[in-house]
Amino acid sequence: MSHPNLPVESSGNTDLCGAPLDVACPPSALLGASPDSDSSGSLRVLMIIAIAVVAFGGLLAIIGIITALLSRNKDKDEPADATETPGGGGGIAAAKMQSTADKSIKIVQADSEQHGVVAPVPSKRGGRRDGLVFLQEGRERFELEDLLRASAEVLGSGNFGSSYKATLVDGKPMVVKRFKEMNGAGRADFNEHMRRLGRLVHPNLLPVVAYLYKNYKKDEKLFVTEHMVNGGLAQILHGGATSSLPRLDWPARLKIIKGVARGLAYLYEELPMLTVPHGHLKSSNVLLNAELEPILSDYALVPVVTPSHASQVMVAYKAPECAAAGRASRKSDVWTLGILVLELLTGRFPTNYLQKGREGTTGLAGWVHSVVREEWTGEVFDKDMRDTRSAEGEMVKLLKVGLGCCDTDIAARWDIKEALAGIEEVRERDPADDSSTASSYLSDGAGAGAASDHPHSLST
């Protein structure tokens, strides 16, 4: 309460107003501080924070967009995969397969590769080269262009395709085989199967050095292998006597069939997932090296060949069960081994191999019967084997193995283990105490009638 008689000290207090002073107060002073002043200040702070957050988020978004654009431009600037596109047809000799580069052969060592792993040769243009895919460890490498430009010699052609001998500029001969009707598997499955073949190592198997999948015709592939100096067994057996071809006596033929049986048994062991591990065993697919060691080629191709083509031309599909049931069995390759045994011993060419489909199947069985229909005398054996008087007993043993492999009854037909064991037991010469084995066996009436009664002969 104010007292009008009390003195009021107002000196220096310029902001004082109201009674008892004669200074009137402004309206704001009379009302005092507003209760909303604190909340409005907080609102301003929140607005400032929100604006800062939005600005920071926008900055991050701009940075992200710039980063994405830079990454896309970088991808465009990287070199694309280099590819090679050979000519569309005619093979190496005819087309020279569109080579334009003028460079010498490029040899690359691959000691660091794991065995059987696909490792494409890098291109000079950078990136991954979708050309030749090499399968073997430690093999010298060459560019696809070197094969395309190489001097070429046609080796032959057949139901599967054509083969060429290509001599590289360093003088090394290679064989390029152009397979047709080979679209039985997609790219991933095909490459996986080729890797599987790359892991096979046996002295009687011809390794696939490299292959070409991409940039060739859809149903064709190129395989690259080593060149065997003596060519195919069929040429030596049936090509006529020439000075350039070796003569095959009995020891040489026994050596060949033993190597063939070992190689086939290895395929059975390593490729148990295949009904027919070889599929196309015949004399033209048995190559001979300089020492006349047999080298099996064109094996394990059933998974990648067009099924209809395989059933028409592959030798395993000419076994009797294919005519009866329409499909091969685990003993179909053994049948073809038996055919090869008889072909080596008699020197006769199974012409029914040239027939397609079931006609070839039934005809080939007839060919086997014709071998044993005649009297079992020394006349059944090929005279080009020359002096075989000391080995006729062993030759008869091998003949029995061949007939056991060619039995039309699958249950009675020998399996691969029996066939290999029987072949391994055959020797170059008759034992000293068994020199009369052949003559006694042949004189006991082992003619056409005896053949059907023999436990390892064909049933009629």
Protein backbone atom coordinates (compact mmCIF):
# COMPACT_ATOMS: atom_id res chain seq x y z
CA MET A 1 0.00 0.00 0.00
CA SER A 2 1.33 3.45 -0.85
CA HIS A 3 1.43 6.34 1.46
CA PRO A 4 1.27 9.76 -0.13
CA ASN A 5 3.24 11.38 2.64
CA LEU A 6 6.29 9.07 2.24
CA PRO A 7 9.12 10.28 0.06
CA VAL A 8 9.76 8.35 -3.05
CA GLU A 9 13.32 7.79 -4.32
CA SER A 10 13.05 7.99 -8.06
CA SER A 11 16.38 9.42 -8.93
CA GLY A 12 18.11 7.16 -11.50
CA ASN A 13 15.09 4.93 -11.94
CA THR A 14 13.88 6.16 -15.22
CA ASP A 15 11.73 3.09 -15.75
CA LEU A 16 9.54 3.82 -12.67
CA CYS A 17 6.00 4.84 -13.40
CA GLY A 18 2.61 5.04 -11.85
CA ALA A 19 1.51 6.47 -8.49
CA PRO A 20 2.77 8.22 -6.53
CA LEU A 21 4.82 9.44 -9.49
CA ASP A 22 3.38 11.67 -12.02
CA VAL A 23 4.63 9.33 -14.81
CA ALA A 24 1.99 7.23 -16.60
CA CYS A 25 2.87 3.59 -17.33
CA PRO A 26 2.59 2.14 -20.91
CA PRO A 27 0.04 -0.68 -21.45
CA SER A 28 2.70 -3.40 -21.80
CA ALA A 29 4.20 -2.53 -18.51
CA LEU A 30 0.83 -2.68 -16.82
CA LEU A 31 0.12 -6.17 -18.26
CA GLY A 32 3.50 -7.62 -17.25
CA ALA A 33 5.29 -10.55 -19.00
CA SER A 34 3.13 -12.84 -21.28
CA PRO A 35 2.91 -16.55 -20.22
CA ASP A 36 3.37 -17.62 -23.90
CA SER A 37 6.78 -15.99 -24.24
CA ASP A 38 8.66 -19.14 -23.15
CA SER A 39 6.74 -21.48 -25.48
CA SER A 40 7.26 -19.22 -28.49
CA GLY A 41 10.99 -19.28 -27.89
CA SER A 42 11.00 -23.09 -27.77
CA LEU A 43 9.03 -23.21 -31.01
CA ARG A 44 11.63 -21.08 -32.73
CA VAL A 45 14.36 -23.48 -31.59
CA LEU A 46 12.47 -26.51 -32.88
CA MET A 47 11.92 -24.84 -36.23
CA ILE A 48 15.62 -24.11 -36.55
CA ILE A 49 16.50 -27.76 -35.76
CA ALA A 50 13.96 -29.08 -38.28
CA ILE A 51 15.30 -26.85 -41.01
CA ALA A 52 18.85 -28.03 -40.28
CA VAL A 53 17.82 -31.71 -40.42
CA VAL A 54 16.01 -31.26 -43.73
CA ALA A 55 18.97 -29.42 -45.19
CA PHE A 56 21.37 -32.15 -44.05
CA GLY A 57 19.14 -34.91 -45.51
CA GLY A 58 18.96 -33.09 -48.80
CA LEU A 59 22.73 -32.81 -48.86
CA LEU A 60 23.08 -36.56 -48.30
CA ALA A 61 20.62 -37.27 -51.11
CA ILE A 62 22.57 -35.07 -53.51
CA ILE A 63 25.83 -36.82 -52.57
CA GLY A 64 24.21 -40.24 -53.20
CA ILE A 65 22.96 -39.22 -56.62
CA ILE A 66 26.38 -37.89 -57.63
CA THR A 67 28.07 -41.11 -56.44
CA ALA A 68 25.66 -43.27 -58.45
CA LEU A 69 26.25 -41.24 -61.60
CA LEU A 70 30.01 -41.48 -61.20
CA SER A 71 29.80 -45.26 -60.69
CA ARG A 72 27.70 -45.70 -63.82
CA ASN A 73 30.15 -43.69 -65.90
CA LYS A 74 33.02 -45.78 -64.56
CA ASP A 75 31.30 -49.02 -65.61
CA LYS A 76 30.84 -47.64 -69.09
CA ASP A 77 34.50 -46.74 -69.32
CA GLU A 78 35.70 -50.28 -68.39
CA PRO A 79 36.73 -52.50 -71.37
CA ALA A 80 34.10 -54.95 -72.49
CA ASP A 81 34.74 -58.67 -72.79
CA ALA A 82 36.81 -59.42 -75.83
CA THR A 83 35.30 -61.95 -78.18
CA GLU A 84 36.41 -63.84 -81.23
CA THR A 85 34.05 -64.66 -84.04
CA PRO A 86 35.33 -67.29 -86.41
CA GLY A 87 33.94 -67.82 -89.83
CA GLY A 88 30.63 -69.53 -90.18
CA GLY A 89 31.56 -72.64 -92.09
CA GLY A 90 33.95 -74.67 -94.15
CA GLY A 91 36.41 -75.45 -91.41
CA ILE A 92 39.93 -74.18 -90.94
CA ALA A 93 41.26 -74.92 -94.40
CA ALA A 94 38.36 -73.33 -96.27
CA ALA A 95 37.54 -70.26 -94.23
CA LYS A 96 40.80 -69.48 -92.39
CA MET A 97 38.18 -68.51 -89.82
CA GLN A 98 38.34 -64.70 -90.21
CA SER A 99 41.72 -63.99 -88.68
CA THR A 100 42.89 -60.38 -89.15
CA ALA A 101 45.65 -59.94 -86.59
CA ASP A 102 49.20 -60.08 -87.88
CA LYS A 103 51.14 -61.40 -84.93
CA SER A 104 53.29 -64.37 -84.06
CA ILE A 105 52.11 -67.21 -81.87
CA LYS A 106 51.65 -66.33 -78.26
CA ILE A 107 52.71 -69.00 -75.79
CA VAL A 108 51.56 -68.68 -72.22
CA GLN A 109 52.53 -71.04 -69.44
CA ALA A 110 49.87 -71.93 -66.89
CA ASP A 111 51.81 -73.43 -64.03
CA SER A 112 49.69 -71.64 -61.44
CA GLU A 113 46.38 -73.13 -62.57
CA GLN A 114 44.60 -75.86 -60.73
CA HIS A 115 44.16 -79.05 -62.70
CA GLY A 116 40.93 -79.22 -64.62
CA VAL A 117 39.83 -75.64 -63.90
CA VAL A 118 38.57 -73.58 -66.82
CA ALA A 119 40.95 -70.68 -67.38
CA PRO A 120 40.42 -68.60 -70.52
CA VAL A 121 43.47 -67.02 -72.11
CA PRO A 122 43.48 -63.25 -71.50
CA SER A 123 43.18 -61.04 -74.54
CA LYS A 124 45.55 -58.22 -75.32
CA ARG A 125 42.54 -55.93 -75.44
CA GLY A 126 41.88 -56.60 -71.76
CA GLY A 127 38.97 -58.20 -69.99
CA ARG A 128 37.96 -61.85 -70.14
CA ARG A 129 38.43 -63.55 -73.44
CA ASP A 130 35.50 -65.72 -74.48
CA GLY A 131 37.56 -67.83 -76.85
CA LEU A 132 39.51 -71.05 -76.34
CA VAL A 133 39.05 -72.59 -72.92
CA PHE A 134 42.05 -74.68 -71.85
CA LEU A 135 41.56 -77.71 -69.62
CA GLN A 136 45.01 -79.12 -68.98
CA GLU A 137 47.46 -77.97 -66.35
CA GLY A 138 50.94 -76.89 -67.39
CA ARG A 139 50.20 -76.95 -71.12
CA GLU A 140 51.53 -74.27 -73.39
CA ARG A 141 48.83 -71.91 -74.58
CA PHE A 142 48.08 -70.30 -77.89
CA GLU A 143 45.58 -67.81 -79.20
CA LEU A 144 42.52 -68.78 -81.18
CA GLU A 145 43.80 -66.70 -84.09
CA ASP A 146 46.89 -68.90 -84.30
CA LEU A 147 44.71 -71.93 -85.00
CA LEU A 148 42.57 -70.00 -87.44
CA ARG A 149 45.57 -68.89 -89.49
CA ALA A 150 47.54 -72.13 -89.20
CA SER A 151 48.24 -74.22 -92.27
CA ALA A 152 45.55 -76.88 -92.21
CA GLU A 153 45.18 -80.41 -93.52
CA VAL A 154 41.85 -82.21 -93.62
CA LEU A 155 42.17 -85.48 -91.72
CA GLY A 156 38.68 -86.78 -92.27
CA SER A 157 34.99 -86.29 -91.71
CA GLY A 158 32.19 -88.42 -90.39
CA ASN A 159 28.82 -88.42 -88.69
CA PHE A 160 30.13 -86.24 -85.88
CA GLY A 161 32.01 -83.64 -87.89
CA SER A 162 35.36 -82.91 -89.50
CA SER A 163 38.93 -83.06 -88.23
CA TYR A 164 41.83 -80.86 -89.28
CA LYS A 165 45.52 -80.96 -88.58
CA ALA A 166 46.67 -77.42 -87.81
CA THR A 167 50.40 -76.74 -87.67
CA LEU A 168 51.21 -73.73 -85.52
CA VAL A 169 54.01 -71.35 -86.43
CA ASP A 170 56.33 -73.03 -83.93
CA GLY A 171 55.87 -76.30 -85.86
CA LYS A 172 53.71 -78.05 -83.27
CA PRO A 173 50.82 -79.95 -84.88
CA MET A 174 47.41 -79.88 -83.24
CA VAL A 175 44.10 -81.42 -84.25
CA VAL A 176 40.97 -79.30 -84.39
CA LYS A 177 37.76 -81.29 -84.48
CA ARG A 178 34.57 -79.53 -85.40
CA PHE A 179 31.68 -81.36 -83.77
CA LYS A 180 28.18 -80.91 -85.07
CA GLU A 181 24.90 -81.87 -83.40
CA MET A 182 26.40 -81.00 -80.04
CA ASN A 183 23.65 -79.10 -78.27
CA GLY A 184 22.54 -81.75 -75.80
CA ALA A 185 23.43 -79.53 -72.83
CA GLY A 186 23.22 -75.87 -71.93
CA ARG A 187 26.31 -73.75 -71.53
CA ALA A 188 26.71 -74.26 -67.78
CA ASP A 189 26.25 -78.04 -68.01
CA PHE A 190 28.52 -78.23 -71.04
CA ASN A 191 31.32 -76.35 -69.29
CA GLU A 192 30.93 -78.49 -66.18
CA HIS A 193 31.17 -81.67 -68.27
CA MET A 194 34.28 -80.36 -70.01
CA ARG A 195 35.87 -79.63 -66.64
CA ARG A 196 35.10 -83.21 -65.68
CA LEU A 197 36.84 -84.47 -68.81
CA GLY A 198 39.77 -82.18 -68.04
CA ARG A 199 40.33 -84.04 -64.79
CA LEU A 200 40.70 -87.40 -66.54
CA VAL A 201 44.32 -88.52 -66.77
CA HIS A 202 45.23 -91.90 -68.27
CA PRO A 203 47.97 -92.96 -70.71
CA ASN A 204 45.36 -94.47 -73.05
CA LEU A 205 43.07 -91.44 -73.22
CA LEU A 206 43.47 -88.50 -75.58
CA PRO A 207 43.09 -85.37 -73.43
CA VAL A 208 41.08 -82.44 -74.70
CA VAL A 209 43.58 -79.57 -74.65
CA ALA A 210 41.02 -76.82 -75.25
CA TYR A 211 37.56 -76.21 -76.59
CA LEU A 212 35.53 -73.36 -78.02
CA TYR A 213 31.94 -72.91 -76.90
CA LYS A 214 30.97 -69.29 -77.41
CA ASN A 215 30.74 -67.45 -80.72
CA TYR A 216 30.43 -70.58 -82.81
CA LYS A 217 27.34 -72.13 -84.34
CA LYS A 218 24.76 -73.08 -81.77
CA ASP A 219 24.93 -76.83 -82.35
CA GLU A 220 28.67 -77.00 -83.11
CA LYS A 221 31.74 -76.96 -80.89
CA LEU A 222 35.48 -77.01 -81.54
CA PHE A 223 37.79 -79.38 -79.65
CA VAL A 224 41.58 -79.07 -79.77
CA THR A 225 43.73 -82.14 -79.08
CA GLU A 226 47.23 -83.38 -79.73
CA HIS A 227 48.10 -84.98 -83.03
CA MET A 228 48.89 -88.70 -83.05
CA VAL A 229 51.56 -89.48 -85.61
CA ASN A 230 50.21 -92.89 -86.67
CA GLY A 231 46.61 -91.81 -87.06
CA GLY A 232 43.70 -94.14 -86.44
CA LEU A 233 43.69 -97.90 -86.01
CA ALA A 234 41.08 -98.30 -88.75
CA GLN A 235 43.37 -96.74 -91.34
CA ILE A 236 46.21 -99.09 -90.47
CA LEU A 237 44.01 -102.19 -90.34
CA HIS A 238 41.94 -101.53 -93.45
CA GLY A 239 43.71 -98.81 -95.40
CA GLY A 240 45.93 -101.13 -97.39
CA ALA A 241 49.64 -101.74 -97.10
CA THR A 242 51.71 -98.62 -97.57
CA SER A 243 55.27 -97.82 -96.70
CA SER A 244 54.18 -95.04 -94.35
CA LEU A 245 51.90 -97.21 -92.19
CA PRO A 246 53.26 -99.73 -89.70
CA ARG A 247 52.31 -103.40 -89.97
CA LEU A 248 50.44 -104.79 -87.01
CA ASP A 249 51.67 -108.22 -85.99
CA TRP A 250 50.15 -110.23 -83.16
CA PRO A 251 52.18 -108.63 -80.34
CA ALA A 252 51.24 -105.17 -81.60
CA ARG A 253 47.54 -106.03 -81.76
CA LEU A 254 47.61 -107.56 -78.30
CA LYS A 255 49.30 -104.43 -76.99
CA ILE A 256 46.62 -102.30 -78.62
CA ILE A 257 43.64 -104.20 -77.25
CA LYS A 258 45.14 -104.27 -73.75
CA GLY A 259 45.57 -100.50 -73.81
CA VAL A 260 42.04 -100.03 -75.12
CA ALA A 261 40.60 -102.22 -72.36
CA ARG A 262 42.56 -100.35 -69.69
CA GLY A 263 41.43 -96.98 -70.96
CA LEU A 264 37.80 -98.11 -71.15
CA ALA A 265 37.94 -99.59 -67.64
CA TYR A 266 39.29 -96.26 -66.38
CA LEU A 267 36.34 -94.44 -67.93
CA TYR A 268 33.95 -96.85 -66.23
CA GLU A 269 35.63 -96.16 -62.91
CA GLU A 270 35.85 -92.37 -63.21
CA LEU A 271 32.48 -91.72 -64.88
CA PRO A 272 30.04 -93.95 -63.01
CA MET A 273 27.23 -91.47 -63.68
CA LEU A 274 27.31 -92.29 -67.41
CA THR A 275 25.49 -95.34 -68.72
CA VAL A 276 27.98 -95.51 -71.58
CA PRO A 277 31.26 -93.96 -70.38
CA HIS A 278 32.76 -94.01 -73.87
CA GLY A 279 29.78 -94.28 -76.17
CA HIS A 280 31.64 -94.31 -79.48
CA LEU A 281 34.40 -96.91 -79.23
CA LYS A 282 35.47 -98.09 -82.67
CA SER A 283 38.72 -98.58 -84.55
CA SER A 284 38.69 -95.10 -86.12
CA ASN A 285 38.49 -93.60 -82.62
CA VAL A 286 41.51 -95.55 -81.42
CA LEU A 287 44.57 -93.47 -82.29
CA LEU A 288 48.13 -94.76 -82.25
CA ASN A 289 51.14 -92.80 -81.08
CA ALA A 290 54.72 -93.29 -82.23
CA GLU A 291 55.10 -96.37 -80.00
CA LEU A 292 51.81 -97.86 -81.27
CA GLU A 293 50.22 -97.28 -77.88
CA PRO A 294 46.44 -96.94 -78.29
CA ILE A 295 44.87 -93.60 -77.40
CA LEU A 296 41.07 -93.43 -77.08
CA SER A 297 39.34 -90.38 -78.52
CA ASP A 298 35.76 -89.06 -78.73
CA TYR A 299 34.87 -90.53 -75.35
CA ALA A 300 32.18 -89.46 -72.85
CA LEU A 301 30.31 -87.29 -75.34
CA VAL A 302 26.82 -88.71 -74.80
CA PRO A 303 25.79 -86.01 -72.25
CA VAL A 304 26.52 -83.15 -74.67
CA VAL A 305 25.47 -84.64 -78.01
CA THR A 306 21.96 -84.10 -79.31
CA PRO A 307 20.08 -87.21 -78.05
CA SER A 308 18.49 -88.05 -81.39
CA HIS A 309 21.87 -87.84 -83.11
CA ALA A 310 23.56 -89.96 -80.45
CA SER A 311 21.02 -92.75 -80.82
CA GLN A 312 21.47 -92.73 -84.59
CA VAL A 313 25.24 -92.70 -84.99
CA MET A 314 27.05 -93.55 -81.75
CA VAL A 315 28.41 -97.08 -81.71
CA ALA A 316 27.23 -97.96 -78.19
CA TYR A 317 23.66 -97.53 -79.38
CA LYS A 318 24.15 -100.34 -81.89
CA ALA A 319 24.33 -102.96 -79.13
CA PRO A 320 21.48 -105.54 -79.31
CA GLU A 321 19.66 -104.14 -76.27
CA CYS A 322 19.19 -100.84 -78.08
CA ALA A 323 17.21 -102.61 -80.79
CA ALA A 324 15.20 -104.53 -78.20
CA ALA A 325 14.57 -101.88 -75.54
CA GLY A 326 15.49 -98.68 -77.34
CA ARG A 327 18.16 -97.67 -74.84
CA ALA A 328 21.75 -98.47 -73.98
CA SER A 329 22.95 -100.36 -70.91
CA ARG A 330 26.05 -100.35 -68.74
CA LYS A 331 27.34 -103.20 -70.91
CA SER A 332 26.83 -101.47 -74.26
CA ASP A 333 30.40 -100.18 -74.26
CA VAL A 334 31.58 -103.74 -73.50
CA TRP A 335 29.77 -104.84 -76.66
CA THR A 336 31.78 -102.36 -78.70
CA LEU A 337 34.98 -103.60 -77.02
CA GLY A 338 34.12 -107.12 -78.16
CA ILE A 339 33.56 -105.87 -81.71
CA LEU A 340 37.00 -104.27 -81.64
CA VAL A 341 38.59 -107.51 -80.40
CA LEU A 342 37.07 -109.45 -83.29
CA GLU A 343 38.06 -106.74 -85.76
CA LEU A 344 41.68 -106.86 -84.60
CA LEU A 345 41.87 -110.65 -84.73
CA THR A 346 40.14 -111.16 -88.07
CA GLY A 347 41.13 -108.00 -89.90
CA ARG A 348 37.51 -107.61 -91.02
CA PHE A 349 35.89 -104.20 -90.96
CA PRO A 350 32.39 -104.12 -89.42
CA THR A 351 30.73 -102.32 -92.31
CA ASN A 352 27.45 -102.13 -90.40
CA TYR A 353 28.98 -99.34 -88.33
CA LEU A 354 28.29 -97.15 -91.34
CA GLN A 355 24.55 -97.73 -91.10
CA LYS A 356 22.46 -95.42 -88.96
CA GLY A 357 19.83 -96.41 -86.44
CA ARG A 358 18.56 -99.90 -85.75
CA GLU A 359 19.56 -101.21 -89.15
CA GLY A 360 23.15 -100.83 -88.05
CA THR A 361 22.35 -102.51 -84.75
CA THR A 362 20.94 -105.72 -86.19
CA GLY A 363 23.50 -105.79 -88.98
CA LEU A 364 26.39 -105.56 -86.56
CA ALA A 365 25.08 -108.53 -84.61
CA GLY A 366 24.98 -110.41 -87.88
CA TRP A 367 28.56 -109.44 -88.55
CA VAL A 368 29.61 -110.97 -85.23
CA HIS A 369 27.80 -114.19 -86.10
CA SER A 370 29.56 -114.30 -89.45
CA VAL A 371 32.91 -114.30 -87.68
CA VAL A 372 32.15 -117.54 -85.84
CA ARG A 373 29.87 -119.13 -88.40
CA GLU A 374 32.84 -120.50 -90.26
CA GLU A 375 34.94 -123.30 -88.86
CA TRP A 376 37.20 -122.18 -86.06
CA THR A 377 40.51 -122.80 -87.73
CA GLY A 378 43.58 -120.71 -88.18
CA GLU A 379 41.81 -119.22 -91.23
CA VAL A 380 39.68 -117.01 -89.00
CA PHE A 381 42.69 -114.92 -87.98
CA ASP A 382 44.11 -112.11 -90.07
CA LYS A 383 47.06 -113.35 -92.10
CA ASP A 384 48.70 -109.94 -91.87
CA MET A 385 49.68 -110.91 -88.34
CA ARG A 386 52.25 -113.16 -90.05
CA ASP A 387 53.88 -115.95 -88.06
CA THR A 388 51.47 -116.76 -85.26
CA ARG A 389 52.13 -120.50 -84.85
CA SER A 390 53.53 -120.00 -81.37
CA ALA A 391 50.61 -117.85 -80.28
CA GLU A 392 47.46 -119.47 -81.70
CA GLY A 393 46.37 -120.70 -78.29
CA GLU A 394 46.58 -117.19 -76.87
CA MET A 395 44.77 -115.80 -79.90
CA VAL A 396 41.93 -118.23 -79.28
CA LYS A 397 41.76 -117.03 -75.68
CA LEU A 398 41.36 -113.47 -76.90
CA LEU A 399 38.74 -114.57 -79.42
CA LYS A 400 36.74 -116.11 -76.57
CA VAL A 401 36.94 -112.82 -74.69
CA GLY A 402 35.63 -110.99 -77.73
CA LEU A 403 32.70 -113.36 -78.06
CA GLY A 404 31.95 -113.08 -74.34
CA CYS A 405 31.78 -109.31 -74.73
CA CYS A 406 29.46 -109.63 -77.73
CA ASP A 407 26.86 -111.91 -76.17
CA THR A 408 23.40 -110.70 -77.12
CA ASP A 409 22.10 -111.67 -73.70
CA ILE A 410 23.01 -108.82 -71.36
CA ALA A 411 22.96 -111.06 -68.31
CA ALA A 412 25.45 -113.44 -69.93
CA ARG A 413 27.59 -110.73 -71.48
CA TRP A 414 30.84 -110.04 -69.69
CA ASP A 415 31.13 -106.84 -67.72
CA ILE A 416 34.12 -104.52 -68.03
CA LYS A 417 36.00 -106.08 -65.11
CA GLU A 418 35.67 -109.58 -66.55
CA ALA A 419 36.68 -108.36 -69.98
CA LEU A 420 39.75 -106.54 -68.68
CA ALA A 421 40.83 -109.53 -66.59
CA GLY A 422 40.41 -111.89 -69.54
CA ILE A 423 42.41 -109.64 -71.86
CA GLU A 424 45.19 -109.13 -69.32
CA GLU A 425 45.64 -112.89 -69.08
CA VAL A 426 46.42 -113.24 -72.79
CA ARG A 427 50.13 -113.48 -73.58
CA GLU A 428 52.17 -113.00 -76.71
CA ARG A 429 53.20 -116.67 -76.88
CA ASP A 430 51.69 -119.94 -75.82
CA PRO A 431 53.14 -121.41 -72.61
CA ALA A 432 55.82 -124.03 -73.24
CA ASP A 433 53.64 -126.75 -71.73
CA ASP A 434 50.53 -125.68 -73.64
CA SER A 435 51.80 -125.48 -77.19
CA SER A 436 49.02 -127.70 -78.48
CA THR A 437 46.19 -125.64 -76.97
CA ALA A 438 45.08 -124.09 -80.22
CA SER A 439 45.31 -127.20 -82.38
CA SER A 440 43.49 -129.36 -79.85
CA TYR A 441 40.81 -126.75 -79.30
CA LEU A 442 40.26 -126.22 -83.00
CA SER A 443 40.25 -129.94 -83.80
CA ASP A 444 37.55 -130.69 -81.21
CA GLY A 445 34.85 -129.50 -83.54
CA ALA A 446 34.76 -125.86 -82.52
CA GLY A 447 33.09 -124.95 -85.77
CA ALA A 448 29.78 -123.26 -86.41
CA GLY A 449 27.82 -125.77 -84.35
CA ALA A 450 30.26 -125.73 -81.47
CA ALA A 451 30.22 -121.97 -81.37
CA SER A 452 26.62 -121.88 -80.20
CA ASP A 453 27.37 -124.42 -77.46
CA HIS A 454 30.43 -122.63 -76.16
CA PRO A 455 29.81 -120.78 -72.89
CA HIS A 456 31.26 -117.56 -74.33
CA SER A 457 29.82 -117.74 -77.81
CA LEU A 458 26.83 -115.89 -79.17
CA SER A 459 23.39 -117.35 -78.68
CA THR A 460 21.62 -117.93 -81.97
